[in-house]
Structure formats: C-alpha cells, structure tokens
Amino acid sequence: SSIHLHITAEGKDVIVIVPTNGAAASFPMGSEV
C-alpha cells in the first residue's frame, strides 16, 4: 500500500513513505525529488 523511498538529502540517509493509493508509481534509482 506504500513505497518506502531511501533518499540522500542534506548529506543524510532519509526514508520517505509514499502512499500508492492503488496507483502505480515509479521512482528509479538516481531520480531527483
């Protein structure tokens, strides 16, 4: 029901939980958010 994104931000390892709400979502490695 969600995607856990491991992100490098401000020199830190950051985890963001993104709800999918039943929709397909893609976050390729290296993409900027």
PDB file of all heavy atoms in Angstrom:
ATOM      1  N   SER A   1       0.808  -1.216   0.000  1.00  0.00           N
ATOM      2  CA  SER A   1       0.000   0.000   0.000  1.00  0.00           C
ATOM      3  C   SER A   1       0.842   1.269   0.000  1.00  0.00           C
ATOM      4  O   SER A   1       0.320   2.376  -0.078  1.00  0.00           O
ATOM      5  CB  SER A   1      -0.927   0.012   1.209  1.00  0.00           C
ATOM      6  OG  SER A   1      -0.159  -0.030   2.396  1.00  0.00           O
ATOM      7  N   SER A   2       2.159   1.113   0.100  1.00  0.00           N
ATOM      8  CA  SER A   2       3.045   2.280   0.103  1.00  0.00           C
ATOM      9  C   SER A   2       4.400   1.916  -0.487  1.00  0.00           C
ATOM     10  O   SER A   2       4.731   0.741  -0.652  1.00  0.00           O
ATOM     11  CB  SER A   2       3.224   2.822   1.521  1.00  0.00           C
ATOM     12  OG  SER A   2       3.885   1.857   2.327  1.00  0.00           O
ATOM     13  N   ILE A   3       5.166   2.949  -0.816  1.00  0.00           N
ATOM     14  CA  ILE A   3       6.545   2.773  -1.283  1.00  0.00           C
ATOM     15  C   ILE A   3       7.457   3.450  -0.267  1.00  0.00           C
ATOM     16  O   ILE A   3       7.217   4.594   0.134  1.00  0.00           O
ATOM     17  CB  ILE A   3       6.737   3.408  -2.685  1.00  0.00           C
ATOM     18  CG1 ILE A   3       5.906   2.652  -3.728  1.00  0.00           C
ATOM     19  CG2 ILE A   3       8.208   3.396  -3.080  1.00  0.00           C
ATOM     20  CD1 ILE A   3       5.901   3.297  -5.099  1.00  0.00           C
ATOM     21  N   HIS A   4       8.493   2.736   0.158  1.00  0.00           N
ATOM     22  CA  HIS A   4       9.494   3.319   1.044  1.00  0.00           C
ATOM     23  C   HIS A   4      10.663   3.793   0.182  1.00  0.00           C
ATOM     24  O   HIS A   4      11.362   2.975  -0.433  1.00  0.00           O
ATOM     25  CB  HIS A   4       9.982   2.298   2.072  1.00  0.00           C
ATOM     26  CG  HIS A   4       8.963   1.979   3.124  1.00  0.00           C
ATOM     27  ND1 HIS A   4       9.294   1.421   4.342  1.00  0.00           N
ATOM     28  CD2 HIS A   4       7.620   2.147   3.158  1.00  0.00           C
ATOM     29  CE1 HIS A   4       8.194   1.259   5.068  1.00  0.00           C
ATOM     30  NE2 HIS A   4       7.173   1.691   4.356  1.00  0.00           N
ATOM     31  N   LEU A   5      10.859   5.092   0.132  1.00  0.00           N
ATOM     32  CA  LEU A   5      11.963   5.660  -0.638  1.00  0.00           C
ATOM     33  C   LEU A   5      13.135   5.951   0.280  1.00  0.00           C
ATOM     34  O   LEU A   5      12.984   6.642   1.300  1.00  0.00           O
ATOM     35  CB  LEU A   5      11.520   6.963  -1.310  1.00  0.00           C
ATOM     36  CG  LEU A   5      10.426   6.891  -2.378  1.00  0.00           C
ATOM     37  CD1 LEU A   5      10.149   8.277  -2.925  1.00  0.00           C
ATOM     38  CD2 LEU A   5      10.843   5.952  -3.498  1.00  0.00           C
ATOM     39  N   HIS A   6      14.299   5.399  -0.071  1.00  0.00           N
ATOM     40  CA  HIS A   6      15.546   5.715   0.637  1.00  0.00           C
ATOM     41  C   HIS A   6      16.244   6.789  -0.186  1.00  0.00           C
ATOM     42  O   HIS A   6      16.612   6.558  -1.336  1.00  0.00           O
ATOM     43  CB  HIS A   6      16.414   4.472   0.776  1.00  0.00           C
ATOM     44  CG  HIS A   6      15.787   3.411   1.627  1.00  0.00           C
ATOM     45  ND1 HIS A   6      16.183   3.154   2.917  1.00  0.00           N
ATOM     46  CD2 HIS A   6      14.759   2.548   1.376  1.00  0.00           C
ATOM     47  CE1 HIS A   6      15.441   2.176   3.427  1.00  0.00           C
ATOM     48  NE2 HIS A   6      14.576   1.800   2.509  1.00  0.00           N
ATOM     49  N   ILE A   7      16.401   7.958   0.405  1.00  0.00           N
ATOM     50  CA  ILE A   7      16.842   9.145  -0.326  1.00  0.00           C
ATOM     51  C   ILE A   7      18.070   9.749   0.350  1.00  0.00           C
ATOM     52  O   ILE A   7      18.166   9.761   1.586  1.00  0.00           O
ATOM     53  CB  ILE A   7      15.697  10.189  -0.359  1.00  0.00           C
ATOM     54  CG1 ILE A   7      14.513   9.648  -1.159  1.00  0.00           C
ATOM     55  CG2 ILE A   7      16.153  11.527  -0.918  1.00  0.00           C
ATOM     56  CD1 ILE A   7      13.235  10.439  -0.988  1.00  0.00           C
ATOM     57  N   THR A   8      19.002  10.252  -0.446  1.00  0.00           N
ATOM     58  CA  THR A   8      20.093  11.048   0.102  1.00  0.00           C
ATOM     59  C   THR A   8      19.685  12.510   0.001  1.00  0.00           C
ATOM     60  O   THR A   8      19.433  13.019  -1.097  1.00  0.00           O
ATOM     61  CB  THR A   8      21.404  10.827  -0.673  1.00  0.00           C
ATOM     62  OG1 THR A   8      21.777   9.447  -0.563  1.00  0.00           O
ATOM     63  CG2 THR A   8      22.528  11.683  -0.114  1.00  0.00           C
ATOM     64  N   ALA A   9      19.564  13.172   1.142  1.00  0.00           N
ATOM     65  CA  ALA A   9      19.168  14.583   1.180  1.00  0.00           C
ATOM     66  C   ALA A   9      19.916  15.275   2.312  1.00  0.00           C
ATOM     67  O   ALA A   9      19.984  14.746   3.422  1.00  0.00           O
ATOM     68  CB  ALA A   9      17.657  14.708   1.392  1.00  0.00           C
ATOM     69  N   GLU A  10      20.487  16.425   2.031  1.00  0.00           N
ATOM     70  CA  GLU A  10      21.238  17.187   3.031  1.00  0.00           C
ATOM     71  C   GLU A  10      22.343  16.348   3.670  1.00  0.00           C
ATOM     72  O   GLU A  10      22.620  16.467   4.877  1.00  0.00           O
ATOM     73  CB  GLU A  10      20.292  17.729   4.112  1.00  0.00           C
ATOM     74  CG  GLU A  10      19.341  18.804   3.629  1.00  0.00           C
ATOM     75  CD  GLU A  10      20.060  20.062   3.181  1.00  0.00           C
ATOM     76  OE1 GLU A  10      20.687  20.724   4.018  1.00  0.00           O
ATOM     77  OE2 GLU A  10      20.000  20.361   1.964  1.00  0.00           O
ATOM     78  N   GLY A  11      22.941  15.457   2.857  1.00  0.00           N
ATOM     79  CA  GLY A  11      24.027  14.616   3.352  1.00  0.00           C
ATOM     80  C   GLY A  11      23.590  13.516   4.302  1.00  0.00           C
ATOM     81  O   GLY A  11      24.415  12.897   4.971  1.00  0.00           O
ATOM     82  N   LYS A  12      22.276  13.269   4.380  1.00  0.00           N
ATOM     83  CA  LYS A  12      21.739  12.256   5.290  1.00  0.00           C
ATOM     84  C   LYS A  12      21.002  11.176   4.497  1.00  0.00           C
ATOM     85  O   LYS A  12      20.527  11.412   3.390  1.00  0.00           O
ATOM     86  CB  LYS A  12      20.742  12.891   6.270  1.00  0.00           C
ATOM     87  CG  LYS A  12      21.277  14.053   7.075  1.00  0.00           C
ATOM     88  CD  LYS A  12      22.112  13.592   8.231  1.00  0.00           C
ATOM     89  CE  LYS A  12      22.539  14.770   9.097  1.00  0.00           C
ATOM     90  NZ  LYS A  12      23.370  14.345  10.241  1.00  0.00           N
ATOM     91  N   ASP A  13      20.914   9.985   5.103  1.00  0.00           N
ATOM     92  CA  ASP A  13      20.050   8.931   4.558  1.00  0.00           C
ATOM     93  C   ASP A  13      18.647   9.166   5.095  1.00  0.00           C
ATOM     94  O   ASP A  13      18.418   9.120   6.305  1.00  0.00           O
ATOM     95  CB  ASP A  13      20.549   7.544   4.987  1.00  0.00           C
ATOM     96  CG  ASP A  13      21.912   7.229   4.389  1.00  0.00           C
ATOM     97  OD1 ASP A  13      22.148   7.604   3.236  1.00  0.00           O
ATOM     98  OD2 ASP A  13      22.748   6.620   5.086  1.00  0.00           O
ATOM     99  N   VAL A  14      17.716   9.417   4.217  1.00  0.00           N
ATOM    100  CA  VAL A  14      16.353   9.785   4.602  1.00  0.00           C
ATOM    101  C   VAL A  14      15.376   8.753   4.048  1.00  0.00           C
ATOM    102  O   VAL A  14      15.535   8.287   2.917  1.00  0.00           O
ATOM    103  CB  VAL A  14      15.999  11.190   4.048  1.00  0.00           C
ATOM    104  CG1 VAL A  14      14.554  11.555   4.358  1.00  0.00           C
ATOM    105  CG2 VAL A  14      16.951  12.231   4.620  1.00  0.00           C
ATOM    106  N   ILE A  15      14.381   8.373   4.869  1.00  0.00           N
ATOM    107  CA  ILE A  15      13.332   7.454   4.403  1.00  0.00           C
ATOM    108  C   ILE A  15      12.021   8.224   4.315  1.00  0.00           C
ATOM    109  O   ILE A  15      11.646   8.947   5.249  1.00  0.00           O
ATOM    110  CB  ILE A  15      13.171   6.251   5.350  1.00  0.00           C
ATOM    111  CG1 ILE A  15      14.469   5.434   5.408  1.00  0.00           C
ATOM    112  CG2 ILE A  15      12.022   5.349   4.885  1.00  0.00           C
ATOM    113  CD1 ILE A  15      14.434   4.272   6.374  1.00  0.00           C
ATOM    114  N   VAL A  16      11.331   8.075   3.180  1.00  0.00           N
ATOM    115  CA  VAL A  16      10.036   8.705   2.966  1.00  0.00           C
ATOM    116  C   VAL A  16       9.030   7.616   2.625  1.00  0.00           C
ATOM    117  O   VAL A  16       9.302   6.764   1.767  1.00  0.00           O
ATOM    118  CB  VAL A  16      10.084   9.733   1.815  1.00  0.00           C
ATOM    119  CG1 VAL A  16       8.728  10.418   1.653  1.00  0.00           C
ATOM    120  CG2 VAL A  16      11.172  10.764   2.056  1.00  0.00           C
ATOM    121  N   ILE A  17       7.876   7.614   3.278  1.00  0.00           N
ATOM    122  CA  ILE A  17       6.814   6.652   2.970  1.00  0.00           C
ATOM    123  C   ILE A  17       5.799   7.351   2.067  1.00  0.00           C
ATOM    124  O   ILE A  17       5.176   8.339   2.464  1.00  0.00           O
ATOM    125  CB  ILE A  17       6.140   6.128   4.249  1.00  0.00           C
ATOM    126  CG1 ILE A  17       7.153   5.376   5.112  1.00  0.00           C
ATOM    127  CG2 ILE A  17       4.955   5.223   3.907  1.00  0.00           C
ATOM    128  CD1 ILE A  17       6.613   4.885   6.444  1.00  0.00           C
ATOM    129  N   VAL A  18       5.672   6.836   0.847  1.00  0.00           N
ATOM    130  CA  VAL A  18       4.757   7.427  -0.131  1.00  0.00           C
ATOM    131  C   VAL A  18       3.574   6.476  -0.338  1.00  0.00           C
ATOM    132  O   VAL A  18       3.759   5.366  -0.846  1.00  0.00           O
ATOM    133  CB  VAL A  18       5.475   7.658  -1.488  1.00  0.00           C
ATOM    134  CG1 VAL A  18       4.515   8.309  -2.491  1.00  0.00           C
ATOM    135  CG2 VAL A  18       6.722   8.498  -1.300  1.00  0.00           C
ATOM    136  N   PRO A  19       2.357   6.868   0.065  1.00  0.00           N
ATOM    137  CA  PRO A  19       1.187   6.001  -0.169  1.00  0.00           C
ATOM    138  C   PRO A  19       0.940   5.846  -1.672  1.00  0.00           C
ATOM    139  O   PRO A  19       1.062   6.811  -2.421  1.00  0.00           O
ATOM    140  CB  PRO A  19       0.029   6.766   0.496  1.00  0.00           C
ATOM    141  CG  PRO A  19       0.668   7.799   1.353  1.00  0.00           C
ATOM    142  CD  PRO A  19       1.982   8.124   0.736  1.00  0.00           C
ATOM    143  N   THR A  20       0.602   4.631  -2.099  1.00  0.00           N
ATOM    144  CA  THR A  20       0.332   4.410  -3.528  1.00  0.00           C
ATOM    145  C   THR A  20      -1.131   4.629  -3.864  1.00  0.00           C
ATOM    146  O   THR A  20      -1.478   4.933  -5.000  1.00  0.00           O
ATOM    147  CB  THR A  20       0.724   2.973  -3.934  1.00  0.00           C
ATOM    148  OG1 THR A  20      -0.045   2.058  -3.149  1.00  0.00           O
ATOM    149  CG2 THR A  20       2.204   2.722  -3.731  1.00  0.00           C
ATOM    150  N   ASN A  21      -2.009   4.440  -2.857  1.00  0.00           N
ATOM    151  CA  ASN A  21      -3.459   4.589  -3.074  1.00  0.00           C
ATOM    152  C   ASN A  21      -3.942   3.777  -4.271  1.00  0.00           C
ATOM    153  O   ASN A  21      -4.815   4.205  -5.026  1.00  0.00           O
ATOM    154  CB  ASN A  21      -3.823   6.069  -3.265  1.00  0.00           C
ATOM    155  CG  ASN A  21      -3.524   6.887  -2.025  1.00  0.00           C
ATOM    156  OD1 ASN A  21      -3.725   6.421  -0.910  1.00  0.00           O
ATOM    157  ND2 ASN A  21      -3.020   8.094  -2.216  1.00  0.00           N
ATOM    158  N   GLY A  22      -3.339   2.609  -4.453  1.00  0.00           N
ATOM    159  CA  GLY A  22      -3.766   1.702  -5.517  1.00  0.00           C
ATOM    160  C   GLY A  22      -3.246   2.065  -6.890  1.00  0.00           C
ATOM    161  O   GLY A  22      -3.515   1.356  -7.862  1.00  0.00           O
ATOM    162  N   ALA A  23      -2.490   3.162  -7.003  1.00  0.00           N
ATOM    163  CA  ALA A  23      -1.980   3.591  -8.321  1.00  0.00           C
ATOM    164  C   ALA A  23      -0.523   3.183  -8.465  1.00  0.00           C
ATOM    165  O   ALA A  23       0.224   3.134  -7.492  1.00  0.00           O
ATOM    166  CB  ALA A  23      -2.117   5.092  -8.463  1.00  0.00           C
ATOM    167  N   ALA A  24      -0.115   2.879  -9.687  1.00  0.00           N
ATOM    168  CA  ALA A  24       1.274   2.510  -9.958  1.00  0.00           C
ATOM    169  C   ALA A  24       2.151   3.752  -9.848  1.00  0.00           C
ATOM    170  O   ALA A  24       1.763   4.835 -10.273  1.00  0.00           O
ATOM    171  CB  ALA A  24       1.398   1.899 -11.351  1.00  0.00           C
ATOM    172  N   ALA A  25       3.310   3.610  -9.233  1.00  0.00           N
ATOM    173  CA  ALA A  25       4.249   4.735  -9.103  1.00  0.00           C
ATOM    174  C   ALA A  25       5.657   4.198  -9.270  1.00  0.00           C
ATOM    175  O   ALA A  25       5.963   3.087  -8.851  1.00  0.00           O
ATOM    176  CB  ALA A  25       4.084   5.401  -7.747  1.00  0.00           C
ATOM    177  N   SER A  26       6.504   5.003  -9.907  1.00  0.00           N
ATOM    178  CA  SER A  26       7.876   4.552 -10.162  1.00  0.00           C
ATOM    179  C   SER A  26       8.853   5.645  -9.762  1.00  0.00           C
ATOM    180  O   SER A  26       8.675   6.818 -10.100  1.00  0.00           O
ATOM    181  CB  SER A  26       8.041   4.212 -11.651  1.00  0.00           C
ATOM    182  OG  SER A  26       9.376   3.858 -11.917  1.00  0.00           O
ATOM    183  N   PHE A  27       9.871   5.247  -8.985  1.00  0.00           N
ATOM    184  CA  PHE A  27      10.927   6.172  -8.579  1.00  0.00           C
ATOM    185  C   PHE A  27      12.270   5.511  -8.867  1.00  0.00           C
ATOM    186  O   PHE A  27      12.855   4.852  -8.009  1.00  0.00           O
ATOM    187  CB  PHE A  27      10.804   6.501  -7.086  1.00  0.00           C
ATOM    188  CG  PHE A  27       9.525   7.196  -6.718  1.00  0.00           C
ATOM    189  CD1 PHE A  27       8.408   6.466  -6.321  1.00  0.00           C
ATOM    190  CD2 PHE A  27       9.432   8.576  -6.780  1.00  0.00           C
ATOM    191  CE1 PHE A  27       7.237   7.103  -5.974  1.00  0.00           C
ATOM    192  CE2 PHE A  27       8.254   9.225  -6.441  1.00  0.00           C
ATOM    193  CZ  PHE A  27       7.153   8.488  -6.040  1.00  0.00           C
ATOM    194  N   PRO A  28      12.776   5.651 -10.115  1.00  0.00           N
ATOM    195  CA  PRO A  28      14.029   4.995 -10.487  1.00  0.00           C
ATOM    196  C   PRO A  28      15.201   5.486  -9.646  1.00  0.00           C
ATOM    197  O   PRO A  28      15.201   6.637  -9.179  1.00  0.00           O
ATOM    198  CB  PRO A  28      14.212   5.386 -11.961  1.00  0.00           C
ATOM    199  CG  PRO A  28      12.883   5.905 -12.403  1.00  0.00           C
ATOM    200  CD  PRO A  28      12.202   6.435 -11.202  1.00  0.00           C
ATOM    201  N   MET A  29      16.183   4.620  -9.473  1.00  0.00           N
ATOM    202  CA  MET A  29      17.388   4.992  -8.745  1.00  0.00           C
ATOM    203  C   MET A  29      18.051   6.187  -9.432  1.00  0.00           C
ATOM    204  O   MET A  29      18.168   6.227 -10.652  1.00  0.00           O
ATOM    205  CB  MET A  29      18.370   3.804  -8.707  1.00  0.00           C
ATOM    206  CG  MET A  29      19.607   4.078  -7.855  1.00  0.00           C
ATOM    207  SD  MET A  29      20.827   2.761  -7.962  1.00  0.00           S
ATOM    208  CE  MET A  29      19.933   1.406  -7.273  1.00  0.00           C
ATOM    209  N   GLY A  30      18.420   7.185  -8.642  1.00  0.00           N
ATOM    210  CA  GLY A  30      19.078   8.371  -9.190  1.00  0.00           C
ATOM    211  C   GLY A  30      18.127   9.497  -9.531  1.00  0.00           C
ATOM    212  O   GLY A  30      18.570  10.625  -9.804  1.00  0.00           O
ATOM    213  N   SER A  31      16.813   9.226  -9.492  1.00  0.00           N
ATOM    214  CA  SER A  31      15.864  10.295  -9.823  1.00  0.00           C
ATOM    215  C   SER A  31      15.830  11.323  -8.686  1.00  0.00           C
ATOM    216  O   SER A  31      16.040  10.998  -7.518  1.00  0.00           O
ATOM    217  CB  SER A  31      14.469   9.727 -10.082  1.00  0.00           C
ATOM    218  OG  SER A  31      14.005   9.002  -8.963  1.00  0.00           O
ATOM    219  N   GLU A  32      15.564  12.582  -9.058  1.00  0.00           N
ATOM    220  CA  GLU A  32      15.565  13.658  -8.075  1.00  0.00           C
ATOM    221  C   GLU A  32      14.146  13.942  -7.589  1.00  0.00           C
ATOM    222  O   GLU A  32      13.189  13.914  -8.368  1.00  0.00           O
ATOM    223  CB  GLU A  32      16.200  14.926  -8.662  1.00  0.00           C
ATOM    224  CG  GLU A  32      17.684  14.745  -8.951  1.00  0.00           C
ATOM    225  CD  GLU A  32      18.423  16.070  -9.060  1.00  0.00           C
ATOM    226  OE1 GLU A  32      17.752  17.120  -9.095  1.00  0.00           O
ATOM    227  OE2 GLU A  32      19.661  16.028  -9.109  1.00  0.00           O
ATOM    228  N   VAL A  33      14.040  14.194  -6.276  1.00  0.00           N
ATOM    229  CA  VAL A  33      12.747  14.506  -5.670  1.00  0.00           C
ATOM    230  C   VAL A  33      12.919  15.704  -4.741  1.00  0.00           C
ATOM    231  O   VAL A  33      14.039  16.073  -4.370  1.00  0.00           O
ATOM    232  CB  VAL A  33      12.193  13.299  -4.864  1.00  0.00           C
ATOM    233  CG1 VAL A  33      11.824  12.145  -5.772  1.00  0.00           C
ATOM    234  CG2 VAL A  33      13.190  12.844  -3.802  1.00  0.00           C
TER     235      VAL A  33
END
